[in-house]
Amino acid sequence: MGPDSALTRRALLSGGALFSLTGLLAACGQQATNEATGSTSSATPSETATASASATEASSASATPSPVITRGYSGGSKAPDGEYRKADAYGPAQNVPKPRNEPAQYPETEEGLIHMMEDWLAAHNYGIQTGYCYPAFQYIEKTSKEYPFYQYIEELYLRGGWVVEGLDSYQSEGNLIYDEKQKIYRMKFRRFWSVVMYIDSDGKITKQANTNKANDLFNYFFKYSEGYWKIIGSGKSNSFEANNG
């Protein structure tokens, strides 16, 4: 995810491109086929409550009681084995390509870091689409702002919710820099995303859009140990402590 929790960093929509899905969701709640979540949680809860509270406060208000959403199949039917199908108002993505389950070793070079980031991004987007964030957790430390976000995603899916859209991509926009004082690396990245909808099992919907692209350029901070890169934090400042202290 970006440098801050997706539930507080992104600009909330009061309507917008995803608004038309809310009516469809009410109908889907009656028609969709029940489906077991199949998610597992690899992290211990700590900061999830903050993210969950943000989602509740930001959810769309309605004059009528919110429907209970029954999670079914995206596209309205079970996809054939091997056929990837994006998430929609009917249900989560199907047959999402699996990332590495464990990180690979890469050299302590800029090229090595970029390879790690590619692997992490695959695990990150897999977690968003499936609720299984174990692979993504392997690339980050608890100091990273992605950590509570993954906890929130896991709990959302365990409750029977899911995510529509919300996938990220990144582009490096600076050189890899080693900070002798802090004994860590940093590198500037630009994050690309457009819209996202968090659908909860109780009918609450959080809709967000990337309306302020000035916030999409920031530093990631890394540590390297015994052949493995890990993300330890992110933010606008060049100082890890200033962003994550």
C-alpha atoms as a PDB file:
ATOM      1  CA  MET A   1       0.000   0.000   0.000  1.00  0.00           C
ATOM      2  CA  GLY A   2       1.098   3.596   0.040  1.00  0.00           C
ATOM      3  CA  PRO A   3       2.989   5.326   2.844  1.00  0.00           C
ATOM      4  CA  ASP A   4      -0.069   5.600   5.077  1.00  0.00           C
ATOM      5  CA  SER A   5      -2.955   3.284   5.884  1.00  0.00           C
ATOM      6  CA  ALA A   6      -5.278   3.032   2.903  1.00  0.00           C
ATOM      7  CA  LEU A   7      -8.194   3.893   5.141  1.00  0.00           C
ATOM      8  CA  THR A   8      -6.837   7.268   6.238  1.00  0.00           C
ATOM      9  CA  ARG A   9      -4.471   8.296   3.449  1.00  0.00           C
ATOM     10  CA  ARG A  10      -6.796   8.107   0.480  1.00  0.00           C
ATOM     11  CA  ALA A  11      -9.413  10.770  -0.320  1.00  0.00           C
ATOM     12  CA  LEU A  12     -12.902   9.433   0.351  1.00  0.00           C
ATOM     13  CA  LEU A  13     -15.586   9.518  -2.299  1.00  0.00           C
ATOM     14  CA  SER A  14     -19.061  10.715  -1.448  1.00  0.00           C
ATOM     15  CA  GLY A  15     -20.266   9.289  -4.767  1.00  0.00           C
ATOM     16  CA  GLY A  16     -18.186   9.093  -7.891  1.00  0.00           C
ATOM     17  CA  ALA A  17     -17.334   6.289 -10.266  1.00  0.00           C
ATOM     18  CA  LEU A  18     -18.112   3.476  -7.828  1.00  0.00           C
ATOM     19  CA  PHE A  19     -21.378   4.896  -6.485  1.00  0.00           C
ATOM     20  CA  SER A  20     -23.481   2.981  -8.980  1.00  0.00           C
ATOM     21  CA  LEU A  21     -22.317  -0.285  -7.431  1.00  0.00           C
ATOM     22  CA  THR A  22     -24.189   0.312  -4.155  1.00  0.00           C
ATOM     23  CA  GLY A  23     -27.585  -0.472  -5.647  1.00  0.00           C
ATOM     24  CA  LEU A  24     -26.226  -3.586  -7.273  1.00  0.00           C
ATOM     25  CA  LEU A  25     -24.779  -4.711  -3.950  1.00  0.00           C
ATOM     26  CA  ALA A  26     -28.211  -4.769  -2.324  1.00  0.00           C
ATOM     27  CA  ALA A  27     -29.494  -7.076  -5.044  1.00  0.00           C
ATOM     28  CA  CYS A  28     -26.401  -9.240  -4.932  1.00  0.00           C
ATOM     29  CA  GLY A  29     -26.907  -9.762  -1.213  1.00  0.00           C
ATOM     30  CA  GLN A  30     -30.063 -11.739  -2.009  1.00  0.00           C
ATOM     31  CA  GLN A  31     -28.878 -13.518  -5.142  1.00  0.00           C
ATOM     32  CA  ALA A  32     -25.192 -14.384  -4.666  1.00  0.00           C
ATOM     33  CA  THR A  33     -24.124 -17.895  -3.742  1.00  0.00           C
ATOM     34  CA  ASN A  34     -22.647 -18.305  -0.270  1.00  0.00           C
ATOM     35  CA  GLU A  35     -18.919 -18.924  -0.285  1.00  0.00           C
ATOM     36  CA  ALA A  36     -16.489 -19.834   2.498  1.00  0.00           C
ATOM     37  CA  THR A  37     -13.846 -17.204   3.089  1.00  0.00           C
ATOM     38  CA  GLY A  38     -10.835 -19.556   3.167  1.00  0.00           C
ATOM     39  CA  SER A  39      -8.629 -16.786   4.609  1.00  0.00           C
ATOM     40  CA  THR A  40      -6.042 -17.294   7.302  1.00  0.00           C
ATOM     41  CA  SER A  41      -4.407 -14.707   9.514  1.00  0.00           C
ATOM     42  CA  SER A  42      -0.669 -14.742  10.097  1.00  0.00           C
ATOM     43  CA  ALA A  43      -0.392 -11.588  12.208  1.00  0.00           C
ATOM     44  CA  THR A  44      -1.375 -10.809  15.766  1.00  0.00           C
ATOM     45  CA  PRO A  45      -3.946  -7.987  16.081  1.00  0.00           C
ATOM     46  CA  SER A  46      -2.632  -4.657  17.358  1.00  0.00           C
ATOM     47  CA  GLU A  47      -3.241  -1.628  15.152  1.00  0.00           C
ATOM     48  CA  THR A  48      -6.185  -3.119  13.246  1.00  0.00           C
ATOM     49  CA  ALA A  49      -8.760  -1.448  15.474  1.00  0.00           C
ATOM     50  CA  THR A  50      -7.675   1.986  14.238  1.00  0.00           C
ATOM     51  CA  ALA A  51      -7.981   0.987  10.603  1.00  0.00           C
ATOM     52  CA  SER A  52     -11.314  -0.732  11.155  1.00  0.00           C
ATOM     53  CA  ALA A  53     -12.694   2.309  12.989  1.00  0.00           C
ATOM     54  CA  SER A  54     -11.632   4.539  10.112  1.00  0.00           C
ATOM     55  CA  ALA A  55     -13.431   2.271   7.681  1.00  0.00           C
ATOM     56  CA  THR A  56     -16.617   2.351   9.746  1.00  0.00           C
ATOM     57  CA  GLU A  57     -16.608   6.139  10.050  1.00  0.00           C
ATOM     58  CA  ALA A  58     -15.953   6.573   6.338  1.00  0.00           C
ATOM     59  CA  SER A  59     -18.623   4.113   5.177  1.00  0.00           C
ATOM     60  CA  SER A  60     -21.519   5.380   3.104  1.00  0.00           C
ATOM     61  CA  ALA A  61     -24.541   6.489   5.128  1.00  0.00           C
ATOM     62  CA  SER A  62     -28.051   5.502   4.070  1.00  0.00           C
ATOM     63  CA  ALA A  63     -31.556   6.537   5.119  1.00  0.00           C
ATOM     64  CA  THR A  64     -32.578   2.862   5.012  1.00  0.00           C
ATOM     65  CA  PRO A  65     -30.973  -0.046   6.915  1.00  0.00           C
ATOM     66  CA  SER A  66     -27.812  -1.360   5.289  1.00  0.00           C
ATOM     67  CA  PRO A  67     -28.202  -4.745   3.575  1.00  0.00           C
ATOM     68  CA  VAL A  68     -26.349  -7.799   4.784  1.00  0.00           C
ATOM     69  CA  ILE A  69     -24.017  -8.668   1.938  1.00  0.00           C
ATOM     70  CA  THR A  70     -23.705 -12.329   0.985  1.00  0.00           C
ATOM     71  CA  ARG A  71     -20.360 -12.867  -0.677  1.00  0.00           C
ATOM     72  CA  GLY A  72     -20.727 -14.840  -3.873  1.00  0.00           C
ATOM     73  CA  TYR A  73     -18.749 -15.155  -7.087  1.00  0.00           C
ATOM     74  CA  SER A  74     -17.379 -12.251  -9.092  1.00  0.00           C
ATOM     75  CA  GLY A  75     -19.126 -12.110 -12.430  1.00  0.00           C
ATOM     76  CA  GLY A  76     -22.098 -13.916 -10.887  1.00  0.00           C
ATOM     77  CA  SER A  77     -20.702 -17.440 -11.290  1.00  0.00           C
ATOM     78  CA  LYS A  78     -17.767 -19.650 -10.344  1.00  0.00           C
ATOM     79  CA  ALA A  79     -14.908 -19.071 -12.799  1.00  0.00           C
ATOM     80  CA  PRO A  80     -13.380 -22.111 -14.527  1.00  0.00           C
ATOM     81  CA  ASP A  81     -10.121 -23.311 -12.979  1.00  0.00           C
ATOM     82  CA  GLY A  82      -7.249 -21.098 -14.085  1.00  0.00           C
ATOM     83  CA  GLU A  83      -9.452 -18.256 -15.337  1.00  0.00           C
ATOM     84  CA  TYR A  84      -8.642 -15.033 -13.500  1.00  0.00           C
ATOM     85  CA  ARG A  85     -11.675 -12.913 -12.752  1.00  0.00           C
ATOM     86  CA  LYS A  86     -11.542  -9.490 -11.100  1.00  0.00           C
ATOM     87  CA  ALA A  87     -13.519  -8.645  -7.989  1.00  0.00           C
ATOM     88  CA  ASP A  88     -16.842  -6.883  -8.441  1.00  0.00           C
ATOM     89  CA  ALA A  89     -20.051  -6.235  -6.532  1.00  0.00           C
ATOM     90  CA  TYR A  90     -20.921  -9.939  -6.589  1.00  0.00           C
ATOM     91  CA  GLY A  91     -17.761 -11.168  -4.883  1.00  0.00           C
ATOM     92  CA  PRO A  92     -13.949 -11.174  -4.618  1.00  0.00           C
ATOM     93  CA  ALA A  93     -11.480 -11.959  -7.371  1.00  0.00           C
ATOM     94  CA  GLN A  94     -11.171 -15.567  -8.475  1.00  0.00           C
ATOM     95  CA  ASN A  95      -8.113 -17.623  -9.434  1.00  0.00           C
ATOM     96  CA  VAL A  96      -5.678 -14.840  -8.554  1.00  0.00           C
ATOM     97  CA  PRO A  97      -2.124 -15.773  -9.626  1.00  0.00           C
ATOM     98  CA  LYS A  98      -0.134 -16.758  -6.542  1.00  0.00           C
ATOM     99  CA  PRO A  99       3.013 -14.848  -5.561  1.00  0.00           C
ATOM    100  CA  ARG A 100       6.108 -16.311  -3.933  1.00  0.00           C
ATOM    101  CA  ASN A 101       5.180 -17.725  -0.556  1.00  0.00           C
ATOM    102  CA  GLU A 102       8.608 -16.810   0.856  1.00  0.00           C
ATOM    103  CA  PRO A 103      10.991 -13.976  -0.129  1.00  0.00           C
ATOM    104  CA  ALA A 104      13.952 -14.691  -2.374  1.00  0.00           C
ATOM    105  CA  GLN A 105      17.520 -13.666  -1.640  1.00  0.00           C
ATOM    106  CA  TYR A 106      18.837 -10.780  -3.729  1.00  0.00           C
ATOM    107  CA  PRO A 107      22.164  -8.903  -3.728  1.00  0.00           C
ATOM    108  CA  GLU A 108      22.696  -5.712  -1.736  1.00  0.00           C
ATOM    109  CA  THR A 109      22.369  -3.564  -4.860  1.00  0.00           C
ATOM    110  CA  GLU A 110      19.759  -1.306  -6.421  1.00  0.00           C
ATOM    111  CA  GLU A 111      18.889  -4.069  -8.877  1.00  0.00           C
ATOM    112  CA  GLY A 112      18.453  -6.511  -6.021  1.00  0.00           C
ATOM    113  CA  LEU A 113      16.137  -4.089  -4.222  1.00  0.00           C
ATOM    114  CA  ILE A 114      13.998  -3.583  -7.329  1.00  0.00           C
ATOM    115  CA  HIS A 115      13.578  -7.348  -7.693  1.00  0.00           C
ATOM    116  CA  MET A 116      12.448  -7.565  -4.072  1.00  0.00           C
ATOM    117  CA  MET A 117       9.951  -4.742  -4.592  1.00  0.00           C
ATOM    118  CA  GLU A 118       8.506  -6.550  -7.608  1.00  0.00           C
ATOM    119  CA  ASP A 119       8.039  -9.699  -5.527  1.00  0.00           C
ATOM    120  CA  TRP A 120       6.526  -7.719  -2.653  1.00  0.00           C
ATOM    121  CA  LEU A 121       4.095  -5.922  -4.972  1.00  0.00           C
ATOM    122  CA  ALA A 122       2.848  -9.260  -6.334  1.00  0.00           C
ATOM    123  CA  ALA A 123       2.277 -10.460  -2.754  1.00  0.00           C
ATOM    124  CA  HIS A 124       0.687  -7.117  -1.802  1.00  0.00           C
ATOM    125  CA  ASN A 125      -1.833  -7.160  -4.652  1.00  0.00           C
ATOM    126  CA  TYR A 126      -2.554 -10.846  -4.016  1.00  0.00           C
ATOM    127  CA  GLY A 127      -3.416 -10.065  -0.404  1.00  0.00           C
ATOM    128  CA  ILE A 128      -5.755  -7.248  -1.437  1.00  0.00           C
ATOM    129  CA  GLN A 129      -7.625  -9.586  -3.792  1.00  0.00           C
ATOM    130  CA  THR A 130      -7.768 -12.677  -1.570  1.00  0.00           C
ATOM    131  CA  GLY A 131      -7.367 -11.624   2.060  1.00  0.00           C
ATOM    132  CA  TYR A 132      -4.374 -13.954   2.404  1.00  0.00           C
ATOM    133  CA  CYS A 133      -1.565 -11.603   3.406  1.00  0.00           C
ATOM    134  CA  TYR A 134       1.006 -14.067   4.736  1.00  0.00           C
ATOM    135  CA  PRO A 135       3.298 -13.680   1.678  1.00  0.00           C
ATOM    136  CA  ALA A 136       3.153  -9.864   1.923  1.00  0.00           C
ATOM    137  CA  PHE A 137       3.943  -9.891   5.646  1.00  0.00           C
ATOM    138  CA  GLN A 138       7.261 -11.583   4.855  1.00  0.00           C
ATOM    139  CA  TYR A 139       8.575  -8.430   3.149  1.00  0.00           C
ATOM    140  CA  ILE A 140       7.828  -5.896   5.887  1.00  0.00           C
ATOM    141  CA  GLU A 141       8.654  -5.063   9.495  1.00  0.00           C
ATOM    142  CA  LYS A 142       6.044  -4.072  12.074  1.00  0.00           C
ATOM    143  CA  THR A 143       7.356  -0.495  11.802  1.00  0.00           C
ATOM    144  CA  SER A 144       6.021  -0.364   8.244  1.00  0.00           C
ATOM    145  CA  LYS A 145       2.674   1.341   7.675  1.00  0.00           C
ATOM    146  CA  GLU A 146       1.649  -1.601   5.508  1.00  0.00           C
ATOM    147  CA  TYR A 147       1.533  -3.819   8.595  1.00  0.00           C
ATOM    148  CA  PRO A 148      -1.785  -2.576  10.087  1.00  0.00           C
ATOM    149  CA  PHE A 149      -3.235  -2.347   6.582  1.00  0.00           C
ATOM    150  CA  TYR A 150      -2.629  -6.066   6.001  1.00  0.00           C
ATOM    151  CA  GLN A 151      -4.183  -6.828   9.374  1.00  0.00           C
ATOM    152  CA  TYR A 152      -7.270  -4.867   8.330  1.00  0.00           C
ATOM    153  CA  ILE A 153      -7.471  -6.670   4.965  1.00  0.00           C
ATOM    154  CA  GLU A 154      -7.251 -10.093   6.607  1.00  0.00           C
ATOM    155  CA  GLU A 155      -9.980  -9.251   9.094  1.00  0.00           C
ATOM    156  CA  LEU A 156     -12.205  -7.762   6.374  1.00  0.00           C
ATOM    157  CA  TYR A 157     -12.117 -11.016   4.389  1.00  0.00           C
ATOM    158  CA  LEU A 158     -12.560 -13.141   7.508  1.00  0.00           C
ATOM    159  CA  ARG A 159     -15.774 -11.198   8.208  1.00  0.00           C
ATOM    160  CA  GLY A 160     -17.031 -12.050   4.729  1.00  0.00           C
ATOM    161  CA  GLY A 161     -16.052  -8.773   3.065  1.00  0.00           C
ATOM    162  CA  TRP A 162     -13.770  -8.141   0.108  1.00  0.00           C
ATOM    163  CA  VAL A 163     -12.060  -5.448  -1.982  1.00  0.00           C
ATOM    164  CA  VAL A 164     -12.990  -4.204  -5.460  1.00  0.00           C
ATOM    165  CA  GLU A 165     -10.163  -2.637  -7.524  1.00  0.00           C
ATOM    166  CA  GLY A 166      -7.484  -1.191  -5.176  1.00  0.00           C
ATOM    167  CA  LEU A 167      -4.438  -2.695  -6.906  1.00  0.00           C
ATOM    168  CA  ASP A 168      -1.155  -0.766  -6.823  1.00  0.00           C
ATOM    169  CA  SER A 169       1.900  -0.338  -9.022  1.00  0.00           C
ATOM    170  CA  TYR A 170       5.148   1.506  -8.303  1.00  0.00           C
ATOM    171  CA  GLN A 171       7.862   3.307 -10.240  1.00  0.00           C
ATOM    172  CA  SER A 172      11.287   4.168  -8.847  1.00  0.00           C
ATOM    173  CA  GLU A 173      12.130   7.885  -9.164  1.00  0.00           C
ATOM    174  CA  GLY A 174      15.485   8.114  -7.476  1.00  0.00           C
ATOM    175  CA  ASN A 175      18.667   6.269  -6.686  1.00  0.00           C
ATOM    176  CA  LEU A 176      19.159   3.855  -3.826  1.00  0.00           C
ATOM    177  CA  ILE A 177      20.802   5.793  -0.983  1.00  0.00           C
ATOM    178  CA  TYR A 178      22.523   4.368   2.086  1.00  0.00           C
ATOM    179  CA  ASP A 179      22.235   6.492   5.219  1.00  0.00           C
ATOM    180  CA  GLU A 180      25.415   5.971   7.254  1.00  0.00           C
ATOM    181  CA  LYS A 181      23.939   7.618  10.326  1.00  0.00           C
ATOM    182  CA  GLN A 182      20.724   5.582  10.382  1.00  0.00           C
ATOM    183  CA  LYS A 183      22.368   2.452   8.899  1.00  0.00           C
ATOM    184  CA  ILE A 184      19.456   1.937   6.521  1.00  0.00           C
ATOM    185  CA  TYR A 185      18.637   2.424   2.848  1.00  0.00           C
ATOM    186  CA  ARG A 186      16.055   4.667   1.247  1.00  0.00           C
ATOM    187  CA  MET A 187      14.709   5.054  -2.270  1.00  0.00           C
ATOM    188  CA  LYS A 188      12.052   7.322  -3.765  1.00  0.00           C
ATOM    189  CA  PHE A 189       9.037   5.714  -5.434  1.00  0.00           C
ATOM    190  CA  ARG A 190       5.857   6.908  -7.109  1.00  0.00           C
ATOM    191  CA  ARG A 191       2.729   4.904  -6.397  1.00  0.00           C
ATOM    192  CA  PHE A 192       0.000   4.512  -9.016  1.00  0.00           C
ATOM    193  CA  TRP A 193      -3.599   3.709  -8.111  1.00  0.00           C
ATOM    194  CA  SER A 194      -7.012   4.973  -9.126  1.00  0.00           C
ATOM    195  CA  VAL A 195     -10.012   3.788  -7.102  1.00  0.00           C
ATOM    196  CA  VAL A 196     -10.851   1.223  -4.421  1.00  0.00           C
ATOM    197  CA  MET A 197     -13.987  -0.055  -2.692  1.00  0.00           C
ATOM    198  CA  TYR A 198     -13.922  -1.918   0.630  1.00  0.00           C
ATOM    199  CA  ILE A 199     -17.123  -3.957   1.003  1.00  0.00           C
ATOM    200  CA  ASP A 200     -17.963  -5.268   4.472  1.00  0.00           C
ATOM    201  CA  SER A 201     -20.344  -8.116   5.256  1.00  0.00           C
ATOM    202  CA  ASP A 202     -22.733  -5.779   7.097  1.00  0.00           C
ATOM    203  CA  GLY A 203     -23.310  -3.618   4.025  1.00  0.00           C
ATOM    204  CA  LYS A 204     -20.872  -0.840   4.929  1.00  0.00           C
ATOM    205  CA  ILE A 205     -18.947   0.415   1.920  1.00  0.00           C
ATOM    206  CA  THR A 206     -15.830   2.564   1.916  1.00  0.00           C
ATOM    207  CA  LYS A 207     -15.170   4.160  -1.476  1.00  0.00           C
ATOM    208  CA  GLN A 208     -11.945   6.011  -2.208  1.00  0.00           C
ATOM    209  CA  ALA A 209     -10.301   7.663  -5.216  1.00  0.00           C
ATOM    210  CA  ASN A 210      -6.841   9.031  -5.877  1.00  0.00           C
ATOM    211  CA  THR A 211      -7.705  12.718  -6.168  1.00  0.00           C
ATOM    212  CA  ASN A 212      -4.409  14.112  -4.843  1.00  0.00           C
ATOM    213  CA  LYS A 213      -1.521  12.673  -6.813  1.00  0.00           C
ATOM    214  CA  ALA A 214       0.934  14.975  -5.029  1.00  0.00           C
ATOM    215  CA  ASN A 215       0.852  12.447  -2.183  1.00  0.00           C
ATOM    216  CA  ASP A 216       1.965   9.589  -4.436  1.00  0.00           C
ATOM    217  CA  LEU A 217       5.718  10.349  -4.346  1.00  0.00           C
ATOM    218  CA  PHE A 218       7.583   9.329  -1.188  1.00  0.00           C
ATOM    219  CA  ASN A 219      10.560   7.463   0.250  1.00  0.00           C
ATOM    220  CA  TYR A 220      10.592   3.819   1.196  1.00  0.00           C
ATOM    221  CA  PHE A 221      13.087   2.768   3.869  1.00  0.00           C
ATOM    222  CA  PHE A 222      14.779  -0.612   3.869  1.00  0.00           C
ATOM    223  CA  LYS A 223      17.129  -2.812   5.791  1.00  0.00           C
ATOM    224  CA  TYR A 224      19.303  -5.560   4.354  1.00  0.00           C
ATOM    225  CA  SER A 225      20.401  -8.641   6.279  1.00  0.00           C
ATOM    226  CA  GLU A 226      21.821 -12.018   5.231  1.00  0.00           C
ATOM    227  CA  GLY A 227      20.655 -11.724   1.634  1.00  0.00           C
ATOM    228  CA  TYR A 228      17.173 -10.369   2.311  1.00  0.00           C
ATOM    229  CA  TRP A 229      15.665  -6.914   1.834  1.00  0.00           C
ATOM    230  CA  LYS A 230      12.830  -5.742   4.096  1.00  0.00           C
ATOM    231  CA  ILE A 231      10.592  -2.662   4.057  1.00  0.00           C
ATOM    232  CA  ILE A 232      10.766  -0.897   7.415  1.00  0.00           C
ATOM    233  CA  GLY A 233       8.887   2.340   6.760  1.00  0.00           C
ATOM    234  CA  SER A 234       7.905   5.109   4.342  1.00  0.00           C
ATOM    235  CA  GLY A 235       7.162   8.817   4.212  1.00  0.00           C
ATOM    236  CA  LYS A 236       7.930  12.208   2.705  1.00  0.00           C
ATOM    237  CA  SER A 237      10.977  13.002   4.823  1.00  0.00           C
ATOM    238  CA  ASN A 238      14.460  11.635   4.105  1.00  0.00           C
ATOM    239  CA  SER A 239      14.682  10.666   7.774  1.00  0.00           C
ATOM    240  CA  PHE A 240      13.247   7.343   8.853  1.00  0.00           C
ATOM    241  CA  GLU A 241      12.737   8.626  12.411  1.00  0.00           C
ATOM    242  CA  ALA A 242      10.838  11.704  11.189  1.00  0.00           C
ATOM    243  CA  ASN A 243       8.358   9.507   9.320  1.00  0.00           C
ATOM    244  CA  ASN A 244       8.090   6.570  11.654  1.00  0.00           C
ATOM    245  CA  GLY A 245       9.192   7.792  15.063  1.00  0.00           C
END
